[in-house]
Amino acid sequence: MAKKKLNSLEDLGGFVFSTNDDFELENETVEDTLVPKEQHLEAHFSNKGRGGKVVTVVKGFVGTEDDLKALGKLLKVKCGVGGSAKDGEIIIQGNYRDKIVQILEKEGYNVKRVGG
């Protein structure tokens, strides 16, 4: 059985080894969530990479993953559809751009409708 070729450090499992006695692991900083009036969100329409299915993508959220998911849940409930929230984006199934802009503005967010 052939061994898998290691092409990068990630192939080793993400371990870091240092001979430096003063080495300190850099901790990822957790971004605090900005208040809604300081957020600048964009509502995009997209159907690329989804088998022709239409979605509305909300981009530009600055904050924790939990707050992003909470905002995503609010939008999904208000629109009555499914979706997901991850990697700083909220994806809502269907073309609900105008409705999402209204909901976000009512919640105090600065939101811009982007595209067509």
PDB file of N, CA and C in Angstrom:
ATOM      1  N   MET A   1       0.838  -1.164   0.000  1.00  0.00           N
ATOM      2  CA  MET A   1       0.000   0.000   0.000  1.00  0.00           C
ATOM      3  C   MET A   1       0.892   1.239   0.000  1.00  0.00           C
ATOM      4  N   ALA A   2       0.639   2.171  -0.942  1.00  0.00           N
ATOM      5  CA  ALA A   2       1.467   3.365  -1.085  1.00  0.00           C
ATOM      6  C   ALA A   2       1.121   4.380  -0.015  1.00  0.00           C
ATOM      7  N   LYS A   3       2.154   5.066   0.485  1.00  0.00           N
ATOM      8  CA  LYS A   3       1.925   6.116   1.466  1.00  0.00           C
ATOM      9  C   LYS A   3       1.447   7.383   0.766  1.00  0.00           C
ATOM     10  N   LYS A   4       0.618   8.155   1.490  1.00  0.00           N
ATOM     11  CA  LYS A   4       0.137   9.418   0.953  1.00  0.00           C
ATOM     12  C   LYS A   4       1.281  10.427   0.966  1.00  0.00           C
ATOM     13  N   LYS A   5       1.433  11.132  -0.145  1.00  0.00           N
ATOM     14  CA  LYS A   5       2.487  12.131  -0.246  1.00  0.00           C
ATOM     15  C   LYS A   5       2.087  13.380   0.546  1.00  0.00           C
ATOM     16  N   LEU A   6       3.013  13.892   1.360  1.00  0.00           N
ATOM     17  CA  LEU A   6       2.758  15.087   2.143  1.00  0.00           C
ATOM     18  C   LEU A   6       3.185  16.308   1.343  1.00  0.00           C
ATOM     19  N   ASN A   7       2.211  17.162   1.026  1.00  0.00           N
ATOM     20  CA  ASN A   7       2.481  18.337   0.209  1.00  0.00           C
ATOM     21  C   ASN A   7       2.616  19.618   1.023  1.00  0.00           C
ATOM     22  N   SER A   8       2.067  19.632   2.228  1.00  0.00           N
ATOM     23  CA  SER A   8       2.118  20.852   3.028  1.00  0.00           C
ATOM     24  C   SER A   8       2.084  20.500   4.507  1.00  0.00           C
ATOM     25  N   LEU A   9       2.266  21.511   5.346  1.00  0.00           N
ATOM     26  CA  LEU A   9       2.210  21.294   6.791  1.00  0.00           C
ATOM     27  C   LEU A   9       0.820  20.858   7.242  1.00  0.00           C
ATOM     28  N   GLU A  10      -0.221  21.278   6.515  1.00  0.00           N
ATOM     29  CA  GLU A  10      -1.584  20.878   6.864  1.00  0.00           C
ATOM     30  C   GLU A  10      -1.760  19.371   6.773  1.00  0.00           C
ATOM     31  N   ASP A  11      -1.015  18.733   5.890  1.00  0.00           N
ATOM     32  CA  ASP A  11      -1.100  17.282   5.745  1.00  0.00           C
ATOM     33  C   ASP A  11      -0.582  16.555   6.984  1.00  0.00           C
ATOM     34  N   LEU A  12       0.176  17.257   7.821  1.00  0.00           N
ATOM     35  CA  LEU A  12       0.691  16.669   9.056  1.00  0.00           C
ATOM     36  C   LEU A  12      -0.310  16.774  10.199  1.00  0.00           C
ATOM     37  N   GLY A  13      -1.425  17.426   9.976  1.00  0.00           N
ATOM     38  CA  GLY A  13      -2.448  17.508  10.995  1.00  0.00           C
ATOM     39  C   GLY A  13      -2.516  18.840  11.711  1.00  0.00           C
ATOM     40  N   GLY A  14      -1.793  19.839  11.253  1.00  0.00           N
ATOM     41  CA  GLY A  14      -1.881  21.158  11.825  1.00  0.00           C
ATOM     42  C   GLY A  14      -1.064  21.373  13.087  1.00  0.00           C
ATOM     43  N   PHE A  15      -0.135  20.484  13.408  1.00  0.00           N
ATOM     44  CA  PHE A  15       0.702  20.663  14.589  1.00  0.00           C
ATOM     45  C   PHE A  15       1.805  21.672  14.305  1.00  0.00           C
ATOM     46  N   VAL A  16       2.178  22.418  15.339  1.00  0.00           N
ATOM     47  CA  VAL A  16       3.260  23.379  15.230  1.00  0.00           C
ATOM     48  C   VAL A  16       4.328  22.984  16.227  1.00  0.00           C
ATOM     49  N   PHE A  17       5.562  22.906  15.771  1.00  0.00           N
ATOM     50  CA  PHE A  17       6.678  22.575  16.653  1.00  0.00           C
ATOM     51  C   PHE A  17       7.703  23.683  16.560  1.00  0.00           C
ATOM     52  N   SER A  18       8.198  24.113  17.714  1.00  0.00           N
ATOM     53  CA  SER A  18       9.197  25.165  17.732  1.00  0.00           C
ATOM     54  C   SER A  18      10.271  24.822  18.757  1.00  0.00           C
ATOM     55  N   THR A  19      11.516  25.116  18.402  1.00  0.00           N
ATOM     56  CA  THR A  19      12.614  24.930  19.346  1.00  0.00           C
ATOM     57  C   THR A  19      12.882  26.214  20.121  1.00  0.00           C
ATOM     58  N   ASN A  20      12.133  27.263  19.828  1.00  0.00           N
ATOM     59  CA  ASN A  20      12.287  28.542  20.500  1.00  0.00           C
ATOM     60  C   ASN A  20      11.632  28.472  21.877  1.00  0.00           C
ATOM     61  N   ASP A  21      12.396  28.719  22.947  1.00  0.00           N
ATOM     62  CA  ASP A  21      11.864  28.663  24.305  1.00  0.00           C
ATOM     63  C   ASP A  21      10.866  29.778  24.585  1.00  0.00           C
ATOM     64  N   ASP A  22      10.964  30.893  23.856  1.00  0.00           N
ATOM     65  CA  ASP A  22      10.082  32.031  24.089  1.00  0.00           C
ATOM     66  C   ASP A  22       8.854  32.027  23.170  1.00  0.00           C
ATOM     67  N   PHE A  23       8.643  30.952  22.461  1.00  0.00           N
ATOM     68  CA  PHE A  23       7.540  30.878  21.502  1.00  0.00           C
ATOM     69  C   PHE A  23       6.199  30.902  22.226  1.00  0.00           C
ATOM     70  N   GLU A  24       5.283  31.741  21.727  1.00  0.00           N
ATOM     71  CA  GLU A  24       3.924  31.779  22.241  1.00  0.00           C
ATOM     72  C   GLU A  24       2.971  31.609  21.070  1.00  0.00           C
ATOM     73  N   LEU A  25       2.019  30.727  21.239  1.00  0.00           N
ATOM     74  CA  LEU A  25       1.029  30.473  20.205  1.00  0.00           C
ATOM     75  C   LEU A  25       0.123  31.689  20.075  1.00  0.00           C
ATOM     76  N   GLU A  26      -0.067  32.157  18.846  1.00  0.00           N
ATOM     77  CA  GLU A  26      -0.944  33.303  18.625  1.00  0.00           C
ATOM     78  C   GLU A  26      -2.381  32.843  18.724  1.00  0.00           C
ATOM     79  N   ASN A  27      -3.118  33.460  19.615  1.00  0.00           N
ATOM     80  CA  ASN A  27      -4.535  33.129  19.757  1.00  0.00           C
ATOM     81  C   ASN A  27      -5.335  33.920  18.749  1.00  0.00           C
ATOM     82  N   GLU A  28      -6.344  33.267  18.186  1.00  0.00           N
ATOM     83  CA  GLU A  28      -7.220  33.973  17.268  1.00  0.00           C
ATOM     84  C   GLU A  28      -8.054  34.954  18.080  1.00  0.00           C
ATOM     85  N   THR A  29      -8.114  36.177  17.604  1.00  0.00           N
ATOM     86  CA  THR A  29      -8.907  37.160  18.328  1.00  0.00           C
ATOM     87  C   THR A  29     -10.368  37.002  17.929  1.00  0.00           C
ATOM     88  N   VAL A  30     -11.220  37.012  18.932  1.00  0.00           N
ATOM     89  CA  VAL A  30     -12.649  36.914  18.683  1.00  0.00           C
ATOM     90  C   VAL A  30     -13.168  38.322  18.463  1.00  0.00           C
ATOM     91  N   GLU A  31     -13.781  38.524  17.304  1.00  0.00           N
ATOM     92  CA  GLU A  31     -14.278  39.844  16.964  1.00  0.00           C
ATOM     93  C   GLU A  31     -15.569  40.109  17.711  1.00  0.00           C
ATOM     94  N   ASP A  32     -15.645  41.265  18.362  1.00  0.00           N
ATOM     95  CA  ASP A  32     -16.886  41.658  19.004  1.00  0.00           C
ATOM     96  C   ASP A  32     -17.881  42.059  17.925  1.00  0.00           C
ATOM     97  N   THR A  33     -19.147  41.814  18.208  1.00  0.00           N
ATOM     98  CA  THR A  33     -20.183  42.157  17.254  1.00  0.00           C
ATOM     99  C   THR A  33     -20.464  43.649  17.320  1.00  0.00           C
ATOM    100  N   LEU A  34     -20.437  44.279  16.163  1.00  0.00           N
ATOM    101  CA  LEU A  34     -20.772  45.697  16.084  1.00  0.00           C
ATOM    102  C   LEU A  34     -22.269  45.879  16.308  1.00  0.00           C
ATOM    103  N   VAL A  35     -22.652  47.017  16.861  1.00  0.00           N
ATOM    104  CA  VAL A  35     -24.073  47.309  17.029  1.00  0.00           C
ATOM    105  C   VAL A  35     -24.689  47.478  15.641  1.00  0.00           C
ATOM    106  N   PRO A  36     -26.001  47.225  15.513  1.00  0.00           N
ATOM    107  CA  PRO A  36     -26.627  47.267  14.181  1.00  0.00           C
ATOM    108  C   PRO A  36     -26.390  48.550  13.403  1.00  0.00           C
ATOM    109  N   LYS A  37     -26.414  49.716  14.063  1.00  0.00           N
ATOM    110  CA  LYS A  37     -26.254  50.968  13.301  1.00  0.00           C
ATOM    111  C   LYS A  37     -24.848  51.146  12.747  1.00  0.00           C
ATOM    112  N   GLU A  38     -23.865  50.377  13.259  1.00  0.00           N
ATOM    113  CA  GLU A  38     -22.492  50.438  12.738  1.00  0.00           C
ATOM    114  C   GLU A  38     -22.210  49.367  11.679  1.00  0.00           C
ATOM    115  N   GLN A  39     -23.137  48.451  11.478  1.00  0.00           N
ATOM    116  CA  GLN A  39     -22.976  47.389  10.485  1.00  0.00           C
ATOM    117  C   GLN A  39     -23.320  47.945   9.101  1.00  0.00           C
ATOM    118  N   HIS A  40     -22.563  47.533   8.094  1.00  0.00           N
ATOM    119  CA  HIS A  40     -22.843  47.904   6.706  1.00  0.00           C
ATOM    120  C   HIS A  40     -22.992  46.610   5.909  1.00  0.00           C
ATOM    121  N   LEU A  41     -24.234  46.187   5.729  1.00  0.00           N
ATOM    122  CA  LEU A  41     -24.528  44.912   5.078  1.00  0.00           C
ATOM    123  C   LEU A  41     -24.916  45.124   3.625  1.00  0.00           C
ATOM    124  N   GLU A  42     -24.738  44.075   2.831  1.00  0.00           N
ATOM    125  CA  GLU A  42     -25.125  44.096   1.428  1.00  0.00           C
ATOM    126  C   GLU A  42     -26.003  42.885   1.146  1.00  0.00           C
ATOM    127  N   ALA A  43     -27.127  43.112   0.475  1.00  0.00           N
ATOM    128  CA  ALA A  43     -28.039  42.027   0.096  1.00  0.00           C
ATOM    129  C   ALA A  43     -27.838  41.728  -1.390  1.00  0.00           C
ATOM    130  N   HIS A  44     -27.298  40.552  -1.685  1.00  0.00           N
ATOM    131  CA  HIS A  44     -27.005  40.135  -3.060  1.00  0.00           C
ATOM    132  C   HIS A  44     -27.995  39.067  -3.514  1.00  0.00           C
ATOM    133  N   PHE A  45     -28.223  39.016  -4.821  1.00  0.00           N
ATOM    134  CA  PHE A  45     -29.001  37.959  -5.468  1.00  0.00           C
ATOM    135  C   PHE A  45     -28.008  37.026  -6.138  1.00  0.00           C
ATOM    136  N   SER A  46     -28.200  35.712  -5.988  1.00  0.00           N
ATOM    137  CA  SER A  46     -27.252  34.780  -6.603  1.00  0.00           C
ATOM    138  C   SER A  46     -27.943  33.484  -6.997  1.00  0.00           C
ATOM    139  N   ASN A  47     -27.446  32.892  -8.080  1.00  0.00           N
ATOM    140  CA  ASN A  47     -27.878  31.546  -8.457  1.00  0.00           C
ATOM    141  C   ASN A  47     -26.688  30.724  -8.944  1.00  0.00           C
ATOM    142  N   LYS A  48     -25.488  31.236  -8.728  1.00  0.00           N
ATOM    143  CA  LYS A  48     -24.288  30.553  -9.192  1.00  0.00           C
ATOM    144  C   LYS A  48     -23.882  29.441  -8.228  1.00  0.00           C
ATOM    145  N   GLY A  49     -23.508  28.307  -8.764  1.00  0.00           N
ATOM    146  CA  GLY A  49     -22.998  27.203  -7.961  1.00  0.00           C
ATOM    147  C   GLY A  49     -24.043  26.507  -7.122  1.00  0.00           C
ATOM    148  N   ARG A  50     -25.316  26.727  -7.447  1.00  0.00           N
ATOM    149  CA  ARG A  50     -26.384  26.124  -6.656  1.00  0.00           C
ATOM    150  C   ARG A  50     -27.382  25.384  -7.555  1.00  0.00           C
ATOM    151  N   GLY A  51     -26.912  24.927  -8.672  1.00  0.00           N
ATOM    152  CA  GLY A  51     -27.772  24.172  -9.573  1.00  0.00           C
ATOM    153  C   GLY A  51     -28.922  24.994 -10.124  1.00  0.00           C
ATOM    154  N   GLY A  52     -28.723  26.304 -10.289  1.00  0.00           N
ATOM    155  CA  GLY A  52     -29.768  27.167 -10.825  1.00  0.00           C
ATOM    156  C   GLY A  52     -30.752  27.658  -9.786  1.00  0.00           C
ATOM    157  N   LYS A  53     -30.638  27.206  -8.547  1.00  0.00           N
ATOM    158  CA  LYS A  53     -31.547  27.654  -7.497  1.00  0.00           C
ATOM    159  C   LYS A  53     -31.172  29.081  -7.085  1.00  0.00           C
ATOM    160  N   VAL A  54     -32.187  29.876  -6.822  1.00  0.00           N
ATOM    161  CA  VAL A  54     -31.998  31.278  -6.493  1.00  0.00           C
ATOM    162  C   VAL A  54     -31.873  31.450  -4.978  1.00  0.00           C
ATOM    163  N   VAL A  55     -30.903  32.261  -4.548  1.00  0.00           N
ATOM    164  CA  VAL A  55     -30.738  32.579  -3.127  1.00  0.00           C
ATOM    165  C   VAL A  55     -30.447  34.069  -2.972  1.00  0.00           C
ATOM    166  N   THR A  56     -30.681  34.554  -1.761  1.00  0.00           N
ATOM    167  CA  THR A  56     -30.297  35.908  -1.389  1.00  0.00           C
ATOM    168  C   THR A  56     -29.159  35.778  -0.392  1.00  0.00           C
ATOM    169  N   VAL A  57     -28.058  36.476  -0.644  1.00  0.00           N
ATOM    170  CA  VAL A  57     -26.878  36.394   0.207  1.00  0.00           C
ATOM    171  C   VAL A  57     -26.673  37.738   0.892  1.00  0.00           C
ATOM    172  N   VAL A  58     -26.586  37.713   2.223  1.00  0.00           N
ATOM    173  CA  VAL A  58     -26.314  38.925   2.993  1.00  0.00           C
ATOM    174  C   VAL A  58     -24.855  38.868   3.411  1.00  0.00           C
ATOM    175  N   LYS A  59     -24.072  39.860   2.979  1.00  0.00           N
ATOM    176  CA  LYS A  59     -22.634  39.893   3.243  1.00  0.00           C
ATOM    177  C   LYS A  59     -22.282  41.121   4.076  1.00  0.00           C
ATOM    178  N   GLY A  60     -21.106  41.064   4.709  1.00  0.00           N
ATOM    179  CA  GLY A  60     -20.576  42.227   5.411  1.00  0.00           C
ATOM    180  C   GLY A  60     -20.808  42.233   6.902  1.00  0.00           C
ATOM    181  N   PHE A  61     -21.369  41.167   7.477  1.00  0.00           N
ATOM    182  CA  PHE A  61     -21.629  41.135   8.918  1.00  0.00           C
ATOM    183  C   PHE A  61     -20.314  41.058   9.682  1.00  0.00           C
ATOM    184  N   VAL A  62     -20.172  41.908  10.691  1.00  0.00           N
ATOM    185  CA  VAL A  62     -18.977  41.907  11.535  1.00  0.00           C
ATOM    186  C   VAL A  62     -19.404  41.500  12.933  1.00  0.00           C
ATOM    187  N   GLY A  63     -18.928  40.328  13.377  1.00  0.00           N
ATOM    188  CA  GLY A  63     -19.293  39.879  14.713  1.00  0.00           C
ATOM    189  C   GLY A  63     -19.059  38.401  14.900  1.00  0.00           C
ATOM    190  N   THR A  64     -19.576  37.888  16.001  1.00  0.00           N
ATOM    191  CA  THR A  64     -19.373  36.482  16.349  1.00  0.00           C
ATOM    192  C   THR A  64     -20.252  35.587  15.491  1.00  0.00           C
ATOM    193  N   GLU A  65     -19.842  34.339  15.423  1.00  0.00           N
ATOM    194  CA  GLU A  65     -20.602  33.349  14.643  1.00  0.00           C
ATOM    195  C   GLU A  65     -21.999  33.146  15.234  1.00  0.00           C
ATOM    196  N   ASP A  66     -22.117  33.205  16.563  1.00  0.00           N
ATOM    197  CA  ASP A  66     -23.424  33.039  17.220  1.00  0.00           C
ATOM    198  C   ASP A  66     -24.376  34.180  16.852  1.00  0.00           C
ATOM    199  N   ASP A  67     -23.865  35.410  16.831  1.00  0.00           N
ATOM    200  CA  ASP A  67     -24.704  36.554  16.463  1.00  0.00           C
ATOM    201  C   ASP A  67     -25.106  36.482  14.996  1.00  0.00           C
ATOM    202  N   LEU A  68     -24.200  35.998  14.150  1.00  0.00           N
ATOM    203  CA  LEU A  68     -24.512  35.820  12.735  1.00  0.00           C
ATOM    204  C   LEU A  68     -25.641  34.806  12.573  1.00  0.00           C
ATOM    205  N   LYS A  69     -25.546  33.696  13.296  1.00  0.00           N
ATOM    206  CA  LYS A  69     -26.590  32.664  13.213  1.00  0.00           C
ATOM    207  C   LYS A  69     -27.925  33.169  13.747  1.00  0.00           C
ATOM    208  N   ALA A  70     -27.884  33.997  14.801  1.00  0.00           N
ATOM    209  CA  ALA A  70     -29.121  34.555  15.354  1.00  0.00           C
ATOM    210  C   ALA A  70     -29.794  35.475  14.336  1.00  0.00           C
ATOM    211  N   LEU A  71     -29.003  36.310  13.657  1.00  0.00           N
ATOM    212  CA  LEU A  71     -29.561  37.191  12.630  1.00  0.00           C
ATOM    213  C   LEU A  71     -30.089  36.365  11.456  1.00  0.00           C
ATOM    214  N   GLY A  72     -29.360  35.313  11.086  1.00  0.00           N
ATOM    215  CA  GLY A  72     -29.816  34.426  10.021  1.00  0.00           C
ATOM    216  C   GLY A  72     -31.141  33.765  10.363  1.00  0.00           C
ATOM    217  N   LYS A  73     -31.277  33.343  11.613  1.00  0.00           N
ATOM    218  CA  LYS A  73     -32.519  32.706  12.046  1.00  0.00           C
ATOM    219  C   LYS A  73     -33.680  33.699  11.982  1.00  0.00           C
ATOM    220  N   LEU A  74     -33.423  34.946  12.407  1.00  0.00           N
ATOM    221  CA  LEU A  74     -34.458  35.977  12.345  1.00  0.00           C
ATOM    222  C   LEU A  74     -34.937  36.164  10.904  1.00  0.00           C
ATOM    223  N   LEU A  75     -33.999  36.257   9.966  1.00  0.00           N
ATOM    224  CA  LEU A  75     -34.363  36.452   8.560  1.00  0.00           C
ATOM    225  C   LEU A  75     -35.114  35.243   8.002  1.00  0.00           C
ATOM    226  N   LYS A  76     -34.665  34.046   8.362  1.00  0.00           N
ATOM    227  CA  LYS A  76     -35.344  32.834   7.867  1.00  0.00           C
ATOM    228  C   LYS A  76     -36.777  32.766   8.381  1.00  0.00           C
ATOM    229  N   VAL A  77     -36.985  33.107   9.658  1.00  0.00           N
ATOM    230  CA  VAL A  77     -38.329  33.059  10.245  1.00  0.00           C
ATOM    231  C   VAL A  77     -39.228  34.112   9.606  1.00  0.00           C
ATOM    232  N   LYS A  78     -38.709  35.334   9.450  1.00  0.00           N
ATOM    233  CA  LYS A  78     -39.516  36.427   8.882  1.00  0.00           C
ATOM    234  C   LYS A  78     -39.873  36.169   7.419  1.00  0.00           C
ATOM    235  N   CYS A  79     -38.969  35.503   6.681  1.00  0.00           N
ATOM    236  CA  CYS A  79     -39.241  35.200   5.269  1.00  0.00           C
ATOM    237  C   CYS A  79     -39.972  33.867   5.106  1.00  0.00           C
ATOM    238  N   GLY A  80     -39.962  33.037   6.143  1.00  0.00           N
ATOM    239  CA  GLY A  80     -40.643  31.741   6.078  1.00  0.00           C
ATOM    240  C   GLY A  80     -39.951  30.747   5.161  1.00  0.00           C
ATOM    241  N   VAL A  81     -38.621  30.823   5.081  1.00  0.00           N
ATOM    242  CA  VAL A  81     -37.867  29.927   4.197  1.00  0.00           C
ATOM    243  C   VAL A  81     -36.649  29.385   4.932  1.00  0.00           C
ATOM    244  N   GLY A  82     -35.911  28.511   4.265  1.00  0.00           N
ATOM    245  CA  GLY A  82     -34.699  27.944   4.831  1.00  0.00           C
ATOM    246  C   GLY A  82     -33.488  28.763   4.444  1.00  0.00           C
ATOM    247  N   GLY A  83     -32.354  28.356   4.997  1.00  0.00           N
ATOM    248  CA  GLY A  83     -31.113  29.045   4.678  1.00  0.00           C
ATOM    249  C   GLY A  83     -30.021  28.625   5.636  1.00  0.00           C
ATOM    250  N   SER A  84     -28.904  29.343   5.589  1.00  0.00           N
ATOM    251  CA  SER A  84     -27.788  29.034   6.482  1.00  0.00           C
ATOM    252  C   SER A  84     -27.015  30.309   6.779  1.00  0.00           C
ATOM    253  N   ALA A  85     -26.192  30.245   7.833  1.00  0.00           N
ATOM    254  CA  ALA A  85     -25.361  31.379   8.215  1.00  0.00           C
ATOM    255  C   ALA A  85     -23.996  30.838   8.604  1.00  0.00           C
ATOM    256  N   LYS A  86     -22.977  31.169   7.807  1.00  0.00           N
ATOM    257  CA  LYS A  86     -21.616  30.738   8.111  1.00  0.00           C
ATOM    258  C   LYS A  86     -20.629  31.575   7.319  1.00  0.00           C
ATOM    259  N   ASP A  87     -19.400  31.611   7.776  1.00  0.00           N
ATOM    260  CA  ASP A  87     -18.318  32.329   7.100  1.00  0.00           C
ATOM    261  C   ASP A  87     -18.651  33.795   6.833  1.00  0.00           C
ATOM    262  N   GLY A  88     -19.370  34.424   7.750  1.00  0.00           N
ATOM    263  CA  GLY A  88     -19.685  35.841   7.602  1.00  0.00           C
ATOM    264  C   GLY A  88     -20.785  36.148   6.612  1.00  0.00           C
ATOM    265  N   GLU A  89     -21.480  35.126   6.122  1.00  0.00           N
ATOM    266  CA  GLU A  89     -22.563  35.325   5.155  1.00  0.00           C
ATOM    267  C   GLU A  89     -23.830  34.636   5.641  1.00  0.00           C
ATOM    268  N   ILE A  90     -24.959  35.231   5.286  1.00  0.00           N
ATOM    269  CA  ILE A  90     -26.258  34.615   5.542  1.00  0.00           C
ATOM    270  C   ILE A  90     -26.861  34.305   4.181  1.00  0.00           C
ATOM    271  N   ILE A  91     -27.226  33.053   3.974  1.00  0.00           N
ATOM    272  CA  ILE A  91     -27.808  32.626   2.699  1.00  0.00           C
ATOM    273  C   ILE A  91     -29.266  32.267   2.950  1.00  0.00           C
ATOM    274  N   ILE A  92     -30.169  32.960   2.262  1.00  0.00           N
ATOM    275  CA  ILE A  92     -31.604  32.732   2.378  1.00  0.00           C
ATOM    276  C   ILE A  92     -32.105  32.166   1.055  1.00  0.00           C
ATOM    277  N   GLN A  93     -32.845  31.067   1.114  1.00  0.00           N
ATOM    278  CA  GLN A  93     -33.343  30.424  -0.102  1.00  0.00           C
ATOM    279  C   GLN A  93     -34.436  31.272  -0.735  1.00  0.00           C
ATOM    280  N   GLY A  94     -34.251  31.605  -2.006  1.00  0.00           N
ATOM    281  CA  GLY A  94     -35.231  32.394  -2.744  1.00  0.00           C
ATOM    282  C   GLY A  94     -34.783  33.834  -2.907  1.00  0.00           C
ATOM    283  N   ASN A  95     -35.487  34.564  -3.774  1.00  0.00           N
ATOM    284  CA  ASN A  95     -35.159  35.966  -4.016  1.00  0.00           C
ATOM    285  C   ASN A  95     -35.999  36.837  -3.083  1.00  0.00           C
ATOM    286  N   TYR A  96     -35.467  37.095  -1.892  1.00  0.00           N
ATOM    287  CA  TYR A  96     -36.148  37.899  -0.883  1.00  0.00           C
ATOM    288  C   TYR A  96     -35.359  39.170  -0.577  1.00  0.00           C
ATOM    289  N   ARG A  97     -34.635  39.660  -1.554  1.00  0.00           N
ATOM    290  CA  ARG A  97     -33.744  40.793  -1.326  1.00  0.00           C
ATOM    291  C   ARG A  97     -34.478  42.012  -0.773  1.00  0.00           C
ATOM    292  N   ASP A  98     -35.589  42.400  -1.392  1.00  0.00           N
ATOM    293  CA  ASP A  98     -36.315  43.590  -0.948  1.00  0.00           C
ATOM    294  C   ASP A  98     -36.884  43.406   0.456  1.00  0.00           C
ATOM    295  N   LYS A  99     -37.437  42.241   0.735  1.00  0.00           N
ATOM    296  CA  LYS A  99     -38.001  41.961   2.052  1.00  0.00           C
ATOM    297  C   LYS A  99     -36.896  41.948   3.116  1.00  0.00           C
ATOM    298  N   ILE A 100     -35.752  41.375   2.786  1.00  0.00           N
ATOM    299  CA  ILE A 100     -34.630  41.316   3.725  1.00  0.00           C
ATOM    300  C   ILE A 100     -34.100  42.717   4.010  1.00  0.00           C
ATOM    301  N   VAL A 101     -34.018  43.567   2.988  1.00  0.00           N
ATOM    302  CA  VAL A 101     -33.573  44.948   3.186  1.00  0.00           C
ATOM    303  C   VAL A 101     -34.517  45.655   4.160  1.00  0.00           C
ATOM    304  N   GLN A 102     -35.826  45.476   3.993  1.00  0.00           N
ATOM    305  CA  GLN A 102     -36.803  46.100   4.890  1.00  0.00           C
ATOM    306  C   GLN A 102     -36.651  45.584   6.321  1.00  0.00           C
ATOM    307  N   ILE A 103     -36.491  44.272   6.480  1.00  0.00           N
ATOM    308  CA  ILE A 103     -36.351  43.675   7.813  1.00  0.00           C
ATOM    309  C   ILE A 103     -35.099  44.201   8.505  1.00  0.00           C
ATOM    310  N   LEU A 104     -33.976  44.212   7.784  1.00  0.00           N
ATOM    311  CA  LEU A 104     -32.714  44.660   8.368  1.00  0.00           C
ATOM    312  C   LEU A 104     -32.748  46.148   8.725  1.00  0.00           C
ATOM    313  N   GLU A 105     -33.370  46.970   7.870  1.00  0.00           N
ATOM    314  CA  GLU A 105     -33.482  48.397   8.177  1.00  0.00           C
ATOM    315  C   GLU A 105     -34.350  48.616   9.413  1.00  0.00           C
ATOM    316  N   LYS A 106     -35.416  47.837   9.543  1.00  0.00           N
ATOM    317  CA  LYS A 106     -36.292  47.932  10.714  1.00  0.00           C
ATOM    318  C   LYS A 106     -35.533  47.552  11.994  1.00  0.00           C
ATOM    319  N   GLU A 107     -34.562  46.621  11.877  1.00  0.00           N
ATOM    320  CA  GLU A 107     -33.744  46.191  13.021  1.00  0.00           C
ATOM    321  C   GLU A 107     -32.610  47.169  13.307  1.00  0.00           C
ATOM    322  N   GLY A 108     -32.434  48.195  12.450  1.00  0.00           N
ATOM    323  CA  GLY A 108     -31.435  49.221  12.691  1.00  0.00           C
ATOM    324  C   GLY A 108     -30.125  49.040  11.940  1.00  0.00           C
ATOM    325  N   TYR A 109     -30.072  48.095  10.993  1.00  0.00           N
ATOM    326  CA  TYR A 109     -28.850  47.858  10.225  1.00  0.00           C
ATOM    327  C   TYR A 109     -28.784  48.798   9.030  1.00  0.00           C
ATOM    328  N   ASN A 110     -27.564  49.167   8.624  1.00  0.00           N
ATOM    329  CA  ASN A 110     -27.345  49.870   7.365  1.00  0.00           C
ATOM    330  C   ASN A 110     -27.204  48.792   6.300  1.00  0.00           C
ATOM    331  N   VAL A 111     -28.115  48.752   5.357  1.00  0.00           N
ATOM    332  CA  VAL A 111     -28.095  47.691   4.357  1.00  0.00           C
ATOM    333  C   VAL A 111     -28.290  48.284   2.972  1.00  0.00           C
ATOM    334  N   LYS A 112     -27.549  47.705   2.005  1.00  0.00           N
ATOM    335  CA  LYS A 112     -27.611  48.182   0.622  1.00  0.00           C
ATOM    336  C   LYS A 112     -28.030  47.012  -0.261  1.00  0.00           C
ATOM    337  N   ARG A 113     -28.953  47.274  -1.179  1.00  0.00           N
ATOM    338  CA  ARG A 113     -29.382  46.273  -2.161  1.00  0.00           C
ATOM    339  C   ARG A 113     -28.386  46.322  -3.300  1.00  0.00           C
ATOM    340  N   VAL A 114     -27.716  45.187  -3.557  1.00  0.00           N
ATOM    341  CA  VAL A 114     -26.646  45.146  -4.549  1.00  0.00           C
ATOM    342  C   VAL A 114     -27.099  44.307  -5.754  1.00  0.00           C
ATOM    343  N   GLY A 115     -26.840  44.805  -6.945  1.00  0.00           N
ATOM    344  CA  GLY A 115     -27.138  44.074  -8.164  1.00  0.00           C
ATOM    345  C   GLY A 115     -28.549  44.319  -8.659  1.00  0.00           C
ATOM    346  N   GLY A 116     -28.760  44.007  -9.968  1.00  0.00           N
ATOM    347  CA  GLY A 116     -30.003  44.123 -10.686  1.00  0.00           C
ATOM    348  C   GLY A 116     -31.148  44.580 -10.001  1.00  0.00           C
TER     349      GLY A 116
END
